[in-house]
């Protein structure tokens, strides 16, 4: 699985704000970051066509470029 690291300065308040917001939503900070990434990628233009159905969920995810 690909991994990305984000390094923030000790003086930045973002880590505490992420933890607080995640807790408010009942999520871990990592889950909240994933939501931000998915939301940010929603307008990249690759999702302009209707979804292609599949035989099973994994098949549909592959056909719609969610999984390889």
PDB file of N, CA and C in Angstrom:
ATOM      1  N   UNK A   1       0.847  -1.167   0.000  1.00  0.00           N
ATOM      2  CA  UNK A   1       0.000   0.000   0.000  1.00  0.00           C
ATOM      3  C   UNK A   1       0.898   1.238   0.000  1.00  0.00           C
ATOM      4  N   UNK A   2       0.637   2.199  -0.892  1.00  0.00           N
ATOM      5  CA  UNK A   2       1.428   3.422  -0.885  1.00  0.00           C
ATOM      6  C   UNK A   2       1.231   4.183   0.427  1.00  0.00           C
ATOM      7  N   UNK A   3       2.282   4.812   0.871  1.00  0.00           N
ATOM      8  CA  UNK A   3       2.243   5.594   2.099  1.00  0.00           C
ATOM      9  C   UNK A   3       2.776   6.986   1.814  1.00  0.00           C
ATOM     10  N   UNK A   4       2.129   7.983   2.367  1.00  0.00           N
ATOM     11  CA  UNK A   4       2.561   9.369   2.217  1.00  0.00           C
ATOM     12  C   UNK A   4       2.781   9.940   3.608  1.00  0.00           C
ATOM     13  N   UNK A   5       3.862  10.675   3.763  1.00  0.00           N
ATOM     14  CA  UNK A   5       4.154  11.293   5.049  1.00  0.00           C
ATOM     15  C   UNK A   5       3.997  12.799   4.928  1.00  0.00           C
ATOM     16  N   UNK A   6       3.400  13.395   5.936  1.00  0.00           N
ATOM     17  CA  UNK A   6       3.245  14.839   5.997  1.00  0.00           C
ATOM     18  C   UNK A   6       3.980  15.308   7.241  1.00  0.00           C
ATOM     19  N   UNK A   7       4.913  16.205   7.053  1.00  0.00           N
ATOM     20  CA  UNK A   7       5.680  16.736   8.175  1.00  0.00           C
ATOM     21  C   UNK A   7       5.247  18.176   8.423  1.00  0.00           C
ATOM     22  N   UNK A   8       4.865  18.459   9.650  1.00  0.00           N
ATOM     23  CA  UNK A   8       4.420  19.794  10.022  1.00  0.00           C
ATOM     24  C   UNK A   8       5.342  20.352  11.095  1.00  0.00           C
ATOM     25  N   UNK A   9       5.516  21.638  11.071  1.00  0.00           N
ATOM     26  CA  UNK A   9       6.324  22.321  12.073  1.00  0.00           C
ATOM     27  C   UNK A   9       5.656  22.174  13.442  1.00  0.00           C
ATOM     28  N   UNK A  10       6.469  22.047  14.479  1.00  0.00           N
ATOM     29  CA  UNK A  10       5.948  21.886  15.849  1.00  0.00           C
ATOM     30  C   UNK A  10       5.029  23.027  16.251  1.00  0.00           C
ATOM     31  N   UNK A  11       5.260  24.188  15.676  1.00  0.00           N
ATOM     32  CA  UNK A  11       4.486  25.362  16.069  1.00  0.00           C
ATOM     33  C   UNK A  11       3.130  25.439  15.370  1.00  0.00           C
ATOM     34  N   UNK A  12       2.918  24.637  14.344  1.00  0.00           N
ATOM     35  CA  UNK A  12       1.647  24.685  13.630  1.00  0.00           C
ATOM     36  C   UNK A  12       0.531  24.076  14.475  1.00  0.00           C
ATOM     37  N   UNK A  13      -0.642  24.634  14.334  1.00  0.00           N
ATOM     38  CA  UNK A  13      -1.794  24.159  15.109  1.00  0.00           C
ATOM     39  C   UNK A  13      -2.600  23.089  14.374  1.00  0.00           C
ATOM     40  N   UNK A  14      -2.258  22.816  13.125  1.00  0.00           N
ATOM     41  CA  UNK A  14      -3.034  21.871  12.327  1.00  0.00           C
ATOM     42  C   UNK A  14      -3.161  20.482  12.960  1.00  0.00           C
ATOM     43  N   UNK A  15      -2.108  19.895  13.519  1.00  0.00           N
ATOM     44  CA  UNK A  15      -2.273  18.561  14.112  1.00  0.00           C
ATOM     45  C   UNK A  15      -3.342  18.517  15.213  1.00  0.00           C
ATOM     46  N   UNK A  16      -3.346  19.506  16.082  1.00  0.00           N
ATOM     47  CA  UNK A  16      -4.347  19.532  17.150  1.00  0.00           C
ATOM     48  C   UNK A  16      -5.738  19.771  16.585  1.00  0.00           C
ATOM     49  N   UNK A  17      -5.834  20.636  15.581  1.00  0.00           N
ATOM     50  CA  UNK A  17      -7.129  20.909  14.964  1.00  0.00           C
ATOM     51  C   UNK A  17      -7.666  19.674  14.254  1.00  0.00           C
ATOM     52  N   UNK A  18      -6.779  18.922  13.582  1.00  0.00           N
ATOM     53  CA  UNK A  18      -7.191  17.673  12.930  1.00  0.00           C
ATOM     54  C   UNK A  18      -7.722  16.677  13.957  1.00  0.00           C
ATOM     55  N   UNK A  19      -6.990  16.515  15.053  1.00  0.00           N
ATOM     56  CA  UNK A  19      -7.417  15.583  16.101  1.00  0.00           C
ATOM     57  C   UNK A  19      -8.774  15.978  16.667  1.00  0.00           C
ATOM     58  N   UNK A  20      -8.955  17.275  16.921  1.00  0.00           N
ATOM     59  CA  UNK A  20     -10.208  17.757  17.491  1.00  0.00           C
ATOM     60  C   UNK A  20     -11.371  17.531  16.527  1.00  0.00           C
ATOM     61  N   UNK A  21     -11.188  17.898  15.259  1.00  0.00           N
ATOM     62  CA  UNK A  21     -12.252  17.729  14.263  1.00  0.00           C
ATOM     63  C   UNK A  21     -12.573  16.251  14.061  1.00  0.00           C
ATOM     64  N   UNK A  22     -11.540  15.420  13.985  1.00  0.00           N
ATOM     65  CA  UNK A  22     -11.750  13.980  13.819  1.00  0.00           C
ATOM     66  C   UNK A  22     -12.555  13.421  14.995  1.00  0.00           C
ATOM     67  N   UNK A  23     -12.202  13.824  16.207  1.00  0.00           N
ATOM     68  CA  UNK A  23     -12.922  13.350  17.396  1.00  0.00           C
ATOM     69  C   UNK A  23     -14.387  13.779  17.359  1.00  0.00           C
ATOM     70  N   UNK A  24     -14.639  15.016  16.907  1.00  0.00           N
ATOM     71  CA  UNK A  24     -16.017  15.497  16.797  1.00  0.00           C
ATOM     72  C   UNK A  24     -16.839  14.628  15.847  1.00  0.00           C
ATOM     73  N   UNK A  25     -16.180  14.108  14.814  1.00  0.00           N
ATOM     74  CA  UNK A  25     -16.860  13.286  13.811  1.00  0.00           C
ATOM     75  C   UNK A  25     -16.807  11.792  14.127  1.00  0.00           C
ATOM     76  N   UNK A  26     -16.139  11.436  15.228  1.00  0.00           N
ATOM     77  CA  UNK A  26     -16.006  10.023  15.586  1.00  0.00           C
ATOM     78  C   UNK A  26     -15.036   9.279  14.686  1.00  0.00           C
ATOM     79  N   UNK A  27     -14.026   9.992  14.181  1.00  0.00           N
ATOM     80  CA  UNK A  27     -13.036   9.421  13.269  1.00  0.00           C
ATOM     81  C   UNK A  27     -11.648   9.514  13.870  1.00  0.00           C
ATOM     82  N   UNK A  28     -10.718   8.782  13.286  1.00  0.00           N
ATOM     83  CA  UNK A  28      -9.308   8.986  13.608  1.00  0.00           C
ATOM     84  C   UNK A  28      -8.803  10.115  12.714  1.00  0.00           C
ATOM     85  N   UNK A  29      -7.710  10.765  13.087  1.00  0.00           N
ATOM     86  CA  UNK A  29      -7.144  11.789  12.205  1.00  0.00           C
ATOM     87  C   UNK A  29      -6.830  11.239  10.810  1.00  0.00           C
ATOM     88  N   UNK A  30      -6.373   9.996  10.738  1.00  0.00           N
ATOM     89  CA  UNK A  30      -6.058   9.384   9.444  1.00  0.00           C
ATOM     90  C   UNK A  30      -7.308   9.250   8.578  1.00  0.00           C
ATOM     91  N   UNK A  31      -8.424   8.865   9.187  1.00  0.00           N
ATOM     92  CA  UNK A  31      -9.680   8.746   8.437  1.00  0.00           C
ATOM     93  C   UNK A  31     -10.136  10.112   7.924  1.00  0.00           C
ATOM     94  N   UNK A  32      -9.975  11.135   8.751  1.00  0.00           N
ATOM     95  CA  UNK A  32     -10.352  12.483   8.333  1.00  0.00           C
ATOM     96  C   UNK A  32      -9.472  12.955   7.174  1.00  0.00           C
ATOM     97  N   UNK A  33      -8.186  12.669   7.240  1.00  0.00           N
ATOM     98  CA  UNK A  33      -7.274  13.038   6.154  1.00  0.00           C
ATOM     99  C   UNK A  33      -7.681  12.331   4.867  1.00  0.00           C
ATOM    100  N   UNK A  34      -8.051  11.058   4.951  1.00  0.00           N
ATOM    101  CA  UNK A  34      -8.528  10.333   3.757  1.00  0.00           C
ATOM    102  C   UNK A  34      -9.763  11.016   3.172  1.00  0.00           C
ATOM    103  N   UNK A  35     -10.680  11.434   4.034  1.00  0.00           N
ATOM    104  CA  UNK A  35     -11.881  12.138   3.553  1.00  0.00           C
ATOM    105  C   UNK A  35     -11.502  13.416   2.821  1.00  0.00           C
ATOM    106  N   UNK A  36     -10.537  14.149   3.373  1.00  0.00           N
ATOM    107  CA  UNK A  36     -10.093  15.381   2.714  1.00  0.00           C
ATOM    108  C   UNK A  36      -9.502  15.080   1.342  1.00  0.00           C
ATOM    109  N   UNK A  37      -8.715  14.036   1.244  1.00  0.00           N
ATOM    110  CA  UNK A  37      -8.103  13.669  -0.035  1.00  0.00           C
ATOM    111  C   UNK A  37      -9.176  13.281  -1.044  1.00  0.00           C
ATOM    112  N   UNK A  38     -10.107  12.434  -0.641  1.00  0.00           N
ATOM    113  CA  UNK A  38     -11.181  12.008  -1.541  1.00  0.00           C
ATOM    114  C   UNK A  38     -12.001  13.218  -1.992  1.00  0.00           C
ATOM    115  N   UNK A  39     -12.318  14.096  -1.059  1.00  0.00           N
ATOM    116  CA  UNK A  39     -13.086  15.292  -1.396  1.00  0.00           C
ATOM    117  C   UNK A  39     -12.309  16.186  -2.359  1.00  0.00           C
ATOM    118  N   UNK A  40     -11.028  16.335  -2.120  1.00  0.00           N
ATOM    119  CA  UNK A  40     -10.194  17.160  -2.984  1.00  0.00           C
ATOM    120  C   UNK A  40     -10.030  16.592  -4.377  1.00  0.00           C
ATOM    121  N   UNK A  41     -10.083  15.277  -4.507  1.00  0.00           N
ATOM    122  CA  UNK A  41      -9.926  14.623  -5.808  1.00  0.00           C
ATOM    123  C   UNK A  41     -11.251  14.517  -6.565  1.00  0.00           C
ATOM    124  N   UNK A  42     -12.351  14.856  -5.934  1.00  0.00           N
ATOM    125  CA  UNK A  42     -13.667  14.694  -6.552  1.00  0.00           C
ATOM    126  C   UNK A  42     -13.826  15.526  -7.822  1.00  0.00           C
ATOM    127  N   UNK A  43     -13.158  16.651  -7.913  1.00  0.00           N
ATOM    128  CA  UNK A  43     -13.305  17.541  -9.062  1.00  0.00           C
ATOM    129  C   UNK A  43     -12.167  17.425 -10.060  1.00  0.00           C
ATOM    130  N   UNK A  44     -11.481  16.299 -10.094  1.00  0.00           N
ATOM    131  CA  UNK A  44     -10.335  16.177 -11.004  1.00  0.00           C
ATOM    132  C   UNK A  44     -10.739  15.856 -12.437  1.00  0.00           C
ATOM    133  N   UNK A  45     -12.031  15.734 -12.710  1.00  0.00           N
ATOM    134  CA  UNK A  45     -12.512  15.511 -14.065  1.00  0.00           C
ATOM    135  C   UNK A  45     -12.564  14.064 -14.496  1.00  0.00           C
ATOM    136  N   UNK A  46     -12.033  13.156 -13.703  1.00  0.00           N
ATOM    137  CA  UNK A  46     -12.016  11.747 -14.104  1.00  0.00           C
ATOM    138  C   UNK A  46     -13.345  11.043 -13.835  1.00  0.00           C
ATOM    139  N   UNK A  47     -14.233  11.685 -13.116  1.00  0.00           N
ATOM    140  CA  UNK A  47     -15.504  11.056 -12.742  1.00  0.00           C
ATOM    141  C   UNK A  47     -16.675  11.706 -13.478  1.00  0.00           C
ATOM    142  N   UNK A  48     -16.487  11.985 -14.763  1.00  0.00           N
ATOM    143  CA  UNK A  48     -17.517  12.705 -15.505  1.00  0.00           C
ATOM    144  C   UNK A  48     -18.562  11.788 -16.133  1.00  0.00           C
ATOM    145  N   UNK A  49     -18.339  10.494 -16.120  1.00  0.00           N
ATOM    146  CA  UNK A  49     -19.275   9.550 -16.730  1.00  0.00           C
ATOM    147  C   UNK A  49     -20.027   8.781 -15.645  1.00  0.00           C
ATOM    148  N   UNK A  50     -21.195   8.237 -15.987  1.00  0.00           N
ATOM    149  CA  UNK A  50     -21.913   7.404 -15.006  1.00  0.00           C
ATOM    150  C   UNK A  50     -21.093   6.165 -14.629  1.00  0.00           C
ATOM    151  N   UNK A  51     -21.333   5.669 -13.445  1.00  0.00           N
ATOM    152  CA  UNK A  51     -20.615   4.482 -12.973  1.00  0.00           C
ATOM    153  C   UNK A  51     -20.955   3.266 -13.827  1.00  0.00           C
ATOM    154  N   UNK A  52     -19.964   2.400 -14.002  1.00  0.00           N
ATOM    155  CA  UNK A  52     -20.137   1.160 -14.749  1.00  0.00           C
ATOM    156  C   UNK A  52     -20.468   0.060 -13.746  1.00  0.00           C
ATOM    157  N   UNK A  53     -21.596  -0.621 -13.902  1.00  0.00           N
ATOM    158  CA  UNK A  53     -21.926  -1.689 -12.953  1.00  0.00           C
ATOM    159  C   UNK A  53     -21.000  -2.891 -13.118  1.00  0.00           C
ATOM    160  N   UNK A  54     -20.868  -3.648 -12.070  1.00  0.00           N
ATOM    161  CA  UNK A  54     -20.057  -4.855 -12.107  1.00  0.00           C
ATOM    162  C   UNK A  54     -20.831  -6.036 -11.566  1.00  0.00           C
ATOM    163  N   UNK A  55     -20.261  -7.213 -11.737  1.00  0.00           N
ATOM    164  CA  UNK A  55     -20.888  -8.429 -11.215  1.00  0.00           C
ATOM    165  C   UNK A  55     -20.890  -8.426  -9.689  1.00  0.00           C
ATOM    166  N   UNK A  56     -19.781  -7.940  -9.115  1.00  0.00           N
ATOM    167  CA  UNK A  56     -19.625  -7.859  -7.663  1.00  0.00           C
ATOM    168  C   UNK A  56     -19.058  -6.480  -7.348  1.00  0.00           C
ATOM    169  N   UNK A  57     -19.038  -6.108  -6.075  1.00  0.00           N
ATOM    170  CA  UNK A  57     -18.553  -4.793  -5.674  1.00  0.00           C
ATOM    171  C   UNK A  57     -17.128  -4.553  -6.152  1.00  0.00           C
ATOM    172  N   UNK A  58     -16.233  -5.502  -5.914  1.00  0.00           N
ATOM    173  CA  UNK A  58     -14.840  -5.311  -6.315  1.00  0.00           C
ATOM    174  C   UNK A  58     -14.718  -5.132  -7.824  1.00  0.00           C
ATOM    175  N   UNK A  59     -15.492  -5.875  -8.590  1.00  0.00           N
ATOM    176  CA  UNK A  59     -15.495  -5.747 -10.045  1.00  0.00           C
ATOM    177  C   UNK A  59     -15.925  -4.335 -10.457  1.00  0.00           C
ATOM    178  N   UNK A  60     -16.964  -3.811  -9.821  1.00  0.00           N
ATOM    179  CA  UNK A  60     -17.431  -2.455 -10.123  1.00  0.00           C
ATOM    180  C   UNK A  60     -16.365  -1.421  -9.767  1.00  0.00           C
ATOM    181  N   UNK A  61     -15.678  -1.610  -8.645  1.00  0.00           N
ATOM    182  CA  UNK A  61     -14.629  -0.671  -8.244  1.00  0.00           C
ATOM    183  C   UNK A  61     -13.476  -0.671  -9.241  1.00  0.00           C
ATOM    184  N   UNK A  62     -13.136  -1.821  -9.766  1.00  0.00           N
ATOM    185  CA  UNK A  62     -12.073  -1.909 -10.772  1.00  0.00           C
ATOM    186  C   UNK A  62     -12.524  -1.237 -12.068  1.00  0.00           C
ATOM    187  N   UNK A  63     -13.722  -1.526 -12.517  1.00  0.00           N
ATOM    188  CA  UNK A  63     -14.229  -0.946 -13.765  1.00  0.00           C
ATOM    189  C   UNK A  63     -14.347   0.572 -13.695  1.00  0.00           C
ATOM    190  N   UNK A  64     -14.513   1.116 -12.491  1.00  0.00           N
ATOM    191  CA  UNK A  64     -14.673   2.558 -12.313  1.00  0.00           C
ATOM    192  C   UNK A  64     -13.403   3.235 -11.804  1.00  0.00           C
ATOM    193  N   UNK A  65     -12.278   2.559 -11.979  1.00  0.00           N
ATOM    194  CA  UNK A  65     -10.951   3.109 -11.651  1.00  0.00           C
ATOM    195  C   UNK A  65     -10.767   3.491 -10.185  1.00  0.00           C
ATOM    196  N   UNK A  66     -11.481   2.804  -9.284  1.00  0.00           N
ATOM    197  CA  UNK A  66     -11.247   2.998  -7.856  1.00  0.00           C
ATOM    198  C   UNK A  66     -10.144   2.051  -7.400  1.00  0.00           C
ATOM    199  N   UNK A  67     -10.173   0.817  -7.914  1.00  0.00           N
ATOM    200  CA  UNK A  67      -9.138  -0.191  -7.657  1.00  0.00           C
ATOM    201  C   UNK A  67      -8.434  -0.506  -8.962  1.00  0.00           C
ATOM    202  N   UNK A  68      -7.202  -1.015  -8.842  1.00  0.00           N
ATOM    203  CA  UNK A  68      -6.449  -1.472 -10.019  1.00  0.00           C
ATOM    204  C   UNK A  68      -6.856  -2.886 -10.337  1.00  0.00           C
TER     205      UNK A  68
END
